[in-house]
PDB file of all heavy atoms in Angstrom:
ATOM      1  N   ILE A   1     104.820 -35.984 147.059  1.00  0.00           N
ATOM      2  CA  ILE A   1     104.867 -36.538 145.713  1.00  0.00           C
ATOM      3  C   ILE A   1     103.469 -36.551 145.133  1.00  0.00           C
ATOM      4  O   ILE A   1     102.548 -37.148 145.704  1.00  0.00           O
ATOM      5  CB  ILE A   1     105.471 -37.946 145.689  1.00  0.00           C
ATOM      6  CG1 ILE A   1     106.906 -37.912 146.260  1.00  0.00           C
ATOM      7  CG2 ILE A   1     105.452 -38.550 144.286  1.00  0.00           C
ATOM      8  CD1 ILE A   1     107.518 -39.263 146.490  1.00  0.00           C
ATOM      9  N   ASN A   2     103.278 -35.872 144.008  1.00  0.00           N
ATOM     10  CA  ASN A   2     101.995 -35.713 143.360  1.00  0.00           C
ATOM     11  C   ASN A   2     101.892 -36.764 142.238  1.00  0.00           C
ATOM     12  O   ASN A   2     102.589 -36.672 141.239  1.00  0.00           O
ATOM     13  CB  ASN A   2     101.876 -34.293 142.792  1.00  0.00           C
ATOM     14  CG  ASN A   2     100.472 -33.933 142.350  1.00  0.00           C
ATOM     15  OD1 ASN A   2      99.682 -34.769 141.997  1.00  0.00           O
ATOM     16  ND2 ASN A   2     100.194 -32.642 142.327  1.00  0.00           N
ATOM     17  N   CYS A   3     100.957 -37.704 142.400  1.00  0.00           N
ATOM     18  CA  CYS A   3     100.896 -38.844 141.490  1.00  0.00           C
ATOM     19  C   CYS A   3     100.120 -38.590 140.196  1.00  0.00           C
ATOM     20  O   CYS A   3     100.083 -39.457 139.318  1.00  0.00           O
ATOM     21  CB  CYS A   3     100.323 -40.065 142.172  1.00  0.00           C
ATOM     22  SG  CYS A   3     101.400 -40.818 143.402  1.00  0.00           S
ATOM     23  N   HIS A   4      99.450 -37.455 140.096  1.00  0.00           N
ATOM     24  CA  HIS A   4      98.726 -37.177 138.863  1.00  0.00           C
ATOM     25  C   HIS A   4      98.434 -35.725 138.679  1.00  0.00           C
ATOM     26  O   HIS A   4      97.714 -35.083 139.455  1.00  0.00           O
ATOM     27  CB  HIS A   4      97.388 -37.943 138.854  1.00  0.00           C
ATOM     28  CG  HIS A   4      96.594 -37.742 137.584  1.00  0.00           C
ATOM     29  ND1 HIS A   4      97.072 -38.223 136.354  1.00  0.00           N
ATOM     30  CD2 HIS A   4      95.439 -37.156 137.321  1.00  0.00           C
ATOM     31  CE1 HIS A   4      96.183 -37.929 135.413  1.00  0.00           C
ATOM     32  NE2 HIS A   4      95.174 -37.278 135.954  1.00  0.00           N
ATOM     33  N   THR A   5      98.991 -35.160 137.618  1.00  0.00           N
ATOM     34  CA  THR A   5      98.694 -33.785 137.202  1.00  0.00           C
ATOM     35  C   THR A   5      98.433 -33.719 135.706  1.00  0.00           C
ATOM     36  O   THR A   5      98.943 -34.567 134.958  1.00  0.00           O
ATOM     37  CB  THR A   5      99.828 -32.774 137.553  1.00  0.00           C
ATOM     38  OG1 THR A   5     100.993 -33.112 136.796  1.00  0.00           O
ATOM     39  CG2 THR A   5     100.160 -32.812 139.032  1.00  0.00           C
ATOM     40  N   HIS A   6      97.663 -32.747 135.321  1.00  0.00           N
ATOM     41  CA  HIS A   6      97.608 -32.250 133.938  1.00  0.00           C
ATOM     42  C   HIS A   6      97.993 -30.785 134.076  1.00  0.00           C
ATOM     43  O   HIS A   6      97.127 -29.889 134.131  1.00  0.00           O
ATOM     44  CB  HIS A   6      96.202 -32.385 133.361  1.00  0.00           C
ATOM     45  CG  HIS A   6      95.801 -33.783 133.042  1.00  0.00           C
ATOM     46  ND1 HIS A   6      96.248 -34.440 131.893  1.00  0.00           N
ATOM     47  CD2 HIS A   6      94.993 -34.649 133.686  1.00  0.00           C
ATOM     48  CE1 HIS A   6      95.702 -35.668 131.879  1.00  0.00           C
ATOM     49  NE2 HIS A   6      94.955 -35.830 132.943  1.00  0.00           N
ATOM     50  N   ILE A   7      99.262 -30.540 134.166  1.00  0.00           N
ATOM     51  CA  ILE A   7      99.730 -29.212 134.546  1.00  0.00           C
ATOM     52  C   ILE A   7      99.700 -28.208 133.396  1.00  0.00           C
ATOM     53  O   ILE A   7      99.734 -27.028 133.601  1.00  0.00           O
ATOM     54  CB  ILE A   7     101.125 -29.311 135.208  1.00  0.00           C
ATOM     55  CG1 ILE A   7     101.321 -28.207 136.221  1.00  0.00           C
ATOM     56  CG2 ILE A   7     102.245 -29.338 134.145  1.00  0.00           C
ATOM     57  CD1 ILE A   7     102.438 -28.486 137.187  1.00  0.00           C
ATOM     58  N   GLY A   8      99.593 -28.739 132.160  1.00  0.00           N
ATOM     59  CA  GLY A   8      99.625 -27.883 130.999  1.00  0.00           C
ATOM     60  C   GLY A   8      98.448 -26.955 130.898  1.00  0.00           C
ATOM     61  O   GLY A   8      98.564 -25.845 130.327  1.00  0.00           O
ATOM     62  N   ASP A   9      97.296 -27.344 131.452  1.00  0.00           N
ATOM     63  CA  ASP A   9      96.133 -26.460 131.326  1.00  0.00           C
ATOM     64  C   ASP A   9      96.096 -25.371 132.387  1.00  0.00           C
ATOM     65  O   ASP A   9      95.056 -24.715 132.562  1.00  0.00           O
ATOM     66  CB  ASP A   9      94.825 -27.236 131.229  1.00  0.00           C
ATOM     67  CG  ASP A   9      94.556 -28.142 132.429  1.00  0.00           C
ATOM     68  OD1 ASP A   9      95.093 -27.860 133.525  1.00  0.00           O
ATOM     69  OD2 ASP A   9      93.792 -29.110 132.290  1.00  0.00           O
ATOM     70  N   THR A  10      97.198 -25.165 133.087  1.00  0.00           N
ATOM     71  CA  THR A  10      97.270 -24.051 134.047  1.00  0.00           C
ATOM     72  C   THR A  10      97.113 -22.697 133.341  1.00  0.00           C
ATOM     73  O   THR A  10      96.793 -21.708 134.009  1.00  0.00           O
ATOM     74  CB  THR A  10      98.636 -24.101 134.775  1.00  0.00           C
ATOM     75  OG1 THR A  10      98.635 -23.123 135.797  1.00  0.00           O
ATOM     76  CG2 THR A  10      99.806 -23.822 133.812  1.00  0.00           C
ATOM     77  N   VAL A  11      97.278 -22.668 132.030  1.00  0.00           N
ATOM     78  CA  VAL A  11      97.159 -21.377 131.278  1.00  0.00           C
ATOM     79  C   VAL A  11      95.701 -21.015 131.009  1.00  0.00           C
ATOM     80  O   VAL A  11      95.440 -19.941 130.428  1.00  0.00           O
ATOM     81  CB  VAL A  11      97.929 -21.451 129.939  1.00  0.00           C
ATOM     82  CG1 VAL A  11      99.431 -21.516 130.161  1.00  0.00           C
ATOM     83  CG2 VAL A  11      97.474 -22.671 129.118  1.00  0.00           C
ATOM     84  N   VAL A  12      94.767 -21.886 131.411  1.00  0.00           N
ATOM     85  CA  VAL A  12      93.350 -21.568 131.243  1.00  0.00           C
ATOM     86  C   VAL A  12      92.615 -21.778 132.595  1.00  0.00           C
ATOM     87  O   VAL A  12      91.551 -22.391 132.631  1.00  0.00           O
ATOM     88  CB  VAL A  12      92.691 -22.360 130.096  1.00  0.00           C
ATOM     89  CG1 VAL A  12      93.196 -21.892 128.747  1.00  0.00           C
ATOM     90  CG2 VAL A  12      92.937 -23.864 130.268  1.00  0.00           C
ATOM     91  N   LYS A  13      93.177 -21.278 133.653  1.00  0.00           N
ATOM     92  CA  LYS A  13      92.592 -21.440 134.979  1.00  0.00           C
ATOM     93  C   LYS A  13      91.150 -20.978 135.000  1.00  0.00           C
ATOM     94  O   LYS A  13      90.792 -19.933 134.463  1.00  0.00           O
ATOM     95  CB  LYS A  13      93.401 -20.657 136.018  1.00  0.00           C
ATOM     96  CG  LYS A  13      94.800 -21.183 136.277  1.00  0.00           C
ATOM     97  CD  LYS A  13      95.479 -20.354 137.347  1.00  0.00           C
ATOM     98  CE  LYS A  13      96.903 -20.833 137.601  1.00  0.00           C
ATOM     99  NZ  LYS A  13      97.801 -20.435 136.495  1.00  0.00           N
ATOM    100  N   GLU A  14      90.350 -21.819 135.691  1.00  0.00           N
ATOM    101  CA  GLU A  14      88.907 -21.540 135.886  1.00  0.00           C
ATOM    102  C   GLU A  14      88.116 -21.508 134.561  1.00  0.00           C
ATOM    103  O   GLU A  14      86.952 -21.079 134.562  1.00  0.00           O
ATOM    104  CB  GLU A  14      88.648 -20.265 136.677  1.00  0.00           C
ATOM    105  CG  GLU A  14      88.797 -20.458 138.176  1.00  0.00           C
ATOM    106  CD  GLU A  14      90.180 -20.930 138.633  1.00  0.00           C
ATOM    107  OE1 GLU A  14      91.145 -20.151 138.555  1.00  0.00           O
ATOM    108  OE2 GLU A  14      90.263 -22.115 139.021  1.00  0.00           O
ATOM    109  N   LEU A  15      88.663 -22.026 133.515  1.00  0.00           N
ATOM    110  CA  LEU A  15      87.909 -22.146 132.260  1.00  0.00           C
ATOM    111  C   LEU A  15      86.650 -22.971 132.456  1.00  0.00           C
ATOM    112  O   LEU A  15      85.603 -22.689 131.883  1.00  0.00           O
ATOM    113  CB  LEU A  15      88.796 -22.782 131.184  1.00  0.00           C
ATOM    114  CG  LEU A  15      88.101 -23.083 129.816  1.00  0.00           C
ATOM    115  CD1 LEU A  15      87.689 -21.772 129.145  1.00  0.00           C
ATOM    116  CD2 LEU A  15      89.025 -23.891 128.936  1.00  0.00           C
ATOM    117  N   GLY A  16      86.739 -23.998 133.311  1.00  0.00           N
ATOM    118  CA  GLY A  16      85.609 -24.883 133.507  1.00  0.00           C
ATOM    119  C   GLY A  16      84.645 -24.470 134.615  1.00  0.00           C
ATOM    120  O   GLY A  16      83.680 -25.159 134.859  1.00  0.00           O
ATOM    121  N   TYR A  17      84.948 -23.353 135.264  1.00  0.00           N
ATOM    122  CA  TYR A  17      84.102 -22.949 136.423  1.00  0.00           C
ATOM    123  C   TYR A  17      82.680 -22.636 135.957  1.00  0.00           C
ATOM    124  O   TYR A  17      82.455 -21.776 135.109  1.00  0.00           O
ATOM    125  CB  TYR A  17      84.689 -21.728 137.124  1.00  0.00           C
ATOM    126  CG  TYR A  17      84.031 -21.438 138.447  1.00  0.00           C
ATOM    127  CD1 TYR A  17      84.610 -21.889 139.609  1.00  0.00           C
ATOM    128  CD2 TYR A  17      82.857 -20.707 138.550  1.00  0.00           C
ATOM    129  CE1 TYR A  17      84.048 -21.646 140.854  1.00  0.00           C
ATOM    130  CE2 TYR A  17      82.282 -20.462 139.779  1.00  0.00           C
ATOM    131  CZ  TYR A  17      82.857 -20.923 140.913  1.00  0.00           C
ATOM    132  OH  TYR A  17      82.274 -20.685 142.155  1.00  0.00           O
ATOM    133  N   GLY A  18      81.726 -23.414 136.487  1.00  0.00           N
ATOM    134  CA  GLY A  18      80.326 -23.153 136.158  1.00  0.00           C
ATOM    135  C   GLY A  18      79.893 -23.663 134.790  1.00  0.00           C
ATOM    136  O   GLY A  18      78.776 -23.455 134.387  1.00  0.00           O
ATOM    137  N   VAL A  19      80.805 -24.375 134.075  1.00  0.00           N
ATOM    138  CA  VAL A  19      80.417 -24.909 132.746  1.00  0.00           C
ATOM    139  C   VAL A  19      79.449 -26.089 132.974  1.00  0.00           C
ATOM    140  O   VAL A  19      79.782 -27.005 133.759  1.00  0.00           O
ATOM    141  CB  VAL A  19      81.674 -25.366 131.992  1.00  0.00           C
ATOM    142  CG1 VAL A  19      81.291 -26.104 130.727  1.00  0.00           C
ATOM    143  CG2 VAL A  19      82.531 -24.163 131.676  1.00  0.00           C
ATOM    144  N   PRO A  20      78.326 -26.123 132.317  1.00  0.00           N
ATOM    145  CA  PRO A  20      77.370 -27.213 132.496  1.00  0.00           C
ATOM    146  C   PRO A  20      77.958 -28.581 132.182  1.00  0.00           C
ATOM    147  O   PRO A  20      78.872 -28.676 131.334  1.00  0.00           O
ATOM    148  CB  PRO A  20      76.201 -26.855 131.579  1.00  0.00           C
ATOM    149  CG  PRO A  20      76.330 -25.388 131.362  1.00  0.00           C
ATOM    150  CD  PRO A  20      77.797 -25.085 131.413  1.00  0.00           C
ATOM    151  N   ALA A  21      77.438 -29.627 132.781  1.00  0.00           N
ATOM    152  CA  ALA A  21      77.991 -30.936 132.617  1.00  0.00           C
ATOM    153  C   ALA A  21      77.857 -31.483 131.184  1.00  0.00           C
ATOM    154  O   ALA A  21      78.628 -32.344 130.754  1.00  0.00           O
ATOM    155  CB  ALA A  21      77.298 -31.925 133.590  1.00  0.00           C
ATOM    156  N   ASP A  22      76.861 -30.942 130.426  1.00  0.00           N
ATOM    157  CA  ASP A  22      76.684 -31.445 129.065  1.00  0.00           C
ATOM    158  C   ASP A  22      77.576 -30.737 128.027  1.00  0.00           C
ATOM    159  O   ASP A  22      77.506 -31.029 126.851  1.00  0.00           O
ATOM    160  CB  ASP A  22      75.199 -31.314 128.654  1.00  0.00           C
ATOM    161  CG  ASP A  22      74.713 -29.861 128.682  1.00  0.00           C
ATOM    162  OD1 ASP A  22      75.434 -28.977 129.165  1.00  0.00           O
ATOM    163  OD2 ASP A  22      73.553 -29.657 128.209  1.00  0.00           O
ATOM    164  N   VAL A  23      78.418 -29.835 128.483  1.00  0.00           N
ATOM    165  CA  VAL A  23      79.370 -29.158 127.605  1.00  0.00           C
ATOM    166  C   VAL A  23      80.695 -29.918 127.627  1.00  0.00           C
ATOM    167  O   VAL A  23      81.163 -30.325 128.694  1.00  0.00           O
ATOM    168  CB  VAL A  23      79.602 -27.692 128.045  1.00  0.00           C
ATOM    169  CG1 VAL A  23      80.704 -27.028 127.218  1.00  0.00           C
ATOM    170  CG2 VAL A  23      78.302 -26.892 127.911  1.00  0.00           C
ATOM    171  N   ASN A  24      81.314 -30.110 126.473  1.00  0.00           N
ATOM    172  CA  ASN A  24      82.572 -30.823 126.386  1.00  0.00           C
ATOM    173  C   ASN A  24      83.701 -29.912 126.873  1.00  0.00           C
ATOM    174  O   ASN A  24      84.173 -29.033 126.143  1.00  0.00           O
ATOM    175  CB  ASN A  24      82.820 -31.254 124.951  1.00  0.00           C
ATOM    176  CG  ASN A  24      84.132 -32.048 124.802  1.00  0.00           C
ATOM    177  OD1 ASN A  24      84.851 -32.274 125.765  1.00  0.00           O
ATOM    178  ND2 ASN A  24      84.442 -32.448 123.584  1.00  0.00           N
ATOM    179  N   LEU A  25      84.109 -30.124 128.112  1.00  0.00           N
ATOM    180  CA  LEU A  25      85.205 -29.352 128.700  1.00  0.00           C
ATOM    181  C   LEU A  25      86.544 -30.022 128.511  1.00  0.00           C
ATOM    182  O   LEU A  25      87.535 -29.364 128.184  1.00  0.00           O
ATOM    183  CB  LEU A  25      84.923 -29.147 130.198  1.00  0.00           C
ATOM    184  CG  LEU A  25      86.028 -28.474 131.010  1.00  0.00           C
ATOM    185  CD1 LEU A  25      86.241 -27.016 130.541  1.00  0.00           C
ATOM    186  CD2 LEU A  25      85.679 -28.500 132.505  1.00  0.00           C
ATOM    187  N   LEU A  26      86.619 -31.333 128.662  1.00  0.00           N
ATOM    188  CA  LEU A  26      87.891 -32.036 128.781  1.00  0.00           C
ATOM    189  C   LEU A  26      88.301 -32.883 127.560  1.00  0.00           C
ATOM    190  O   LEU A  26      89.477 -33.162 127.375  1.00  0.00           O
ATOM    191  CB  LEU A  26      87.862 -32.922 130.005  1.00  0.00           C
ATOM    192  CG  LEU A  26      87.651 -32.239 131.353  1.00  0.00           C
ATOM    193  CD1 LEU A  26      87.481 -33.295 132.439  1.00  0.00           C
ATOM    194  CD2 LEU A  26      88.809 -31.320 131.700  1.00  0.00           C
ATOM    195  N   TRP A  27      87.327 -33.354 126.777  1.00  0.00           N
ATOM    196  CA  TRP A  27      87.642 -34.388 125.795  1.00  0.00           C
ATOM    197  C   TRP A  27      88.176 -33.844 124.490  1.00  0.00           C
ATOM    198  O   TRP A  27      87.656 -32.867 123.960  1.00  0.00           O
ATOM    199  CB  TRP A  27      86.366 -35.228 125.545  1.00  0.00           C
ATOM    200  CG  TRP A  27      85.880 -35.883 126.796  1.00  0.00           C
ATOM    201  CD1 TRP A  27      84.908 -35.457 127.627  1.00  0.00           C
ATOM    202  CD2 TRP A  27      86.388 -37.090 127.374  1.00  0.00           C
ATOM    203  NE1 TRP A  27      84.740 -36.319 128.679  1.00  0.00           N
ATOM    204  CE2 TRP A  27      85.649 -37.325 128.556  1.00  0.00           C
ATOM    205  CE3 TRP A  27      87.387 -37.982 126.987  1.00  0.00           C
ATOM    206  CZ2 TRP A  27      85.885 -38.433 129.367  1.00  0.00           C
ATOM    207  CZ3 TRP A  27      87.617 -39.086 127.826  1.00  0.00           C
ATOM    208  CH2 TRP A  27      86.865 -39.310 128.988  1.00  0.00           C
ATOM    209  N   GLN A  28      89.179 -34.514 123.994  1.00  0.00           N
ATOM    210  CA  GLN A  28      89.728 -34.182 122.671  1.00  0.00           C
ATOM    211  C   GLN A  28      88.806 -34.717 121.583  1.00  0.00           C
ATOM    212  O   GLN A  28      88.111 -35.694 121.798  1.00  0.00           O
ATOM    213  CB  GLN A  28      91.113 -34.826 122.523  1.00  0.00           C
ATOM    214  CG  GLN A  28      92.198 -34.116 123.372  1.00  0.00           C
ATOM    215  CD  GLN A  28      93.553 -34.722 123.145  1.00  0.00           C
ATOM    216  OE1 GLN A  28      93.993 -35.544 123.915  1.00  0.00           O
ATOM    217  NE2 GLN A  28      94.224 -34.269 122.114  1.00  0.00           N
TER     218      GLN A  28
END
């Protein structure tokens, strides 16, 4: 049983790979 997913962003896999911490990756 998986208690937490954001499964919708599976369509942009690895979008955040190597993105610097000061870039807004997650926030609306």
